[in-house]
Amino acid sequence: MPKLDFSNEDQAAIVAKVQDYFLTEFELDVGRFEAEAMLQFFAKEIGAHFYNRGLYDAQAVITGQIDAINDAIYQLEQTPGS
């Protein structure tokens, strides 16, 4: 999986969410450096699972659209000699 590059603003927002989560759920005050390290760890270790799920979901949507197009084309078919 290619490395995910977040904008500085997006990374700061994600890191803040990690920090908020640990403070709220575990009453742990996690620093920015630690939160960034956790983010990198999770992205590396489980990011591919979420990425692949997104691909499968996109594929399902596209397949559904192709099926709808095929049905529409089938409805346009004409019987020879009619």
Protein backbone atom coordinates (compact mmCIF):
# COMPACT_ATOMS: atom_id res chain seq x y z
CA MET A 1 0.00 0.00 0.00
CA PRO A 2 1.37 3.42 -0.87
CA LYS A 3 2.29 5.75 1.97
CA LEU A 4 -0.62 7.98 2.89
CA ASP A 5 0.34 11.62 2.85
CA PHE A 6 -1.94 13.84 4.88
CA SER A 7 -1.79 17.60 4.75
CA ASN A 8 -0.31 19.24 7.82
CA GLU A 9 -3.80 20.38 8.81
CA ASP A 10 -5.29 16.89 8.42
CA GLN A 11 -2.46 15.27 10.37
CA ALA A 12 -2.79 17.83 13.16
CA ALA A 13 -6.54 17.17 13.34
CA ILE A 14 -6.04 13.38 13.45
CA VAL A 15 -3.33 13.66 16.11
CA ALA A 16 -5.63 15.89 18.18
CA LYS A 17 -8.37 13.26 17.93
CA VAL A 18 -5.94 10.57 19.12
CA GLN A 19 -4.94 12.76 22.05
CA ASP A 20 -8.58 13.53 22.90
CA TYR A 21 -9.49 9.86 22.72
CA PHE A 22 -6.77 8.77 25.13
CA LEU A 23 -7.59 11.59 27.51
CA THR A 24 -11.33 10.87 27.47
CA GLU A 25 -11.22 7.07 27.49
CA PHE A 26 -8.15 6.38 29.60
CA GLU A 27 -7.43 9.68 31.34
CA LEU A 28 -3.97 9.60 29.72
CA ASP A 29 -2.41 12.85 28.56
CA VAL A 30 -0.63 11.78 25.38
CA GLY A 31 1.81 14.22 23.82
CA ARG A 32 1.86 15.19 20.16
CA PHE A 33 4.98 13.08 19.47
CA GLU A 34 3.43 9.97 21.03
CA ALA A 35 0.12 10.51 19.24
CA GLU A 36 1.93 10.89 15.90
CA ALA A 37 3.86 7.68 16.59
CA MET A 38 0.60 5.84 17.35
CA LEU A 39 -0.94 7.20 14.17
CA GLN A 40 2.03 5.98 12.11
CA PHE A 41 1.92 2.58 13.81
CA PHE A 42 -1.79 2.06 13.17
CA ALA A 43 -1.52 3.34 9.61
CA LYS A 44 1.31 0.90 8.91
CA GLU A 45 -0.12 -2.10 10.72
CA ILE A 46 -3.87 -1.90 9.98
CA GLY A 47 -4.25 0.86 7.42
CA ALA A 48 -4.23 -1.63 4.55
CA HIS A 49 -7.32 -3.35 5.97
CA PHE A 50 -9.29 -0.11 5.90
CA TYR A 51 -7.90 0.81 2.49
CA ASN A 52 -8.87 -2.57 1.04
CA ARG A 53 -12.34 -2.33 2.55
CA GLY A 54 -12.76 1.03 0.84
CA LEU A 55 -11.73 -0.55 -2.46
CA TYR A 56 -14.22 -3.40 -2.01
CA ASP A 57 -16.99 -0.94 -1.17
CA ALA A 58 -16.15 1.18 -4.23
CA GLN A 59 -16.09 -1.94 -6.39
CA ALA A 60 -19.54 -2.94 -5.11
CA VAL A 61 -20.95 0.49 -5.98
CA ILE A 62 -19.45 0.36 -9.47
CA THR A 63 -20.72 -3.18 -10.01
CA GLY A 64 -24.21 -2.06 -9.01
CA GLN A 65 -24.06 0.84 -11.45
CA ILE A 66 -22.85 -1.42 -14.26
CA ASP A 67 -25.72 -3.82 -13.55
CA ALA A 68 -28.19 -0.92 -13.75
CA ILE A 69 -26.68 0.20 -17.07
CA ASN A 70 -26.86 -3.35 -18.43
CA ASP A 71 -30.52 -3.56 -17.41
CA ALA A 72 -31.26 -0.22 -19.10
CA ILE A 73 -29.55 -1.37 -22.31
CA TYR A 74 -31.43 -4.67 -22.24
CA GLN A 75 -34.73 -2.75 -21.99
CA LEU A 76 -33.78 -0.82 -25.16
CA GLU A 77 -33.32 -3.97 -27.22
CA GLN A 78 -35.79 -4.47 -30.01
CA THR A 79 -37.11 -7.70 -31.40
CA PRO A 80 -36.11 -8.19 -35.09
CA GLY A 81 -39.08 -8.04 -37.45
CA SER A 82 -41.37 -6.15 -35.08
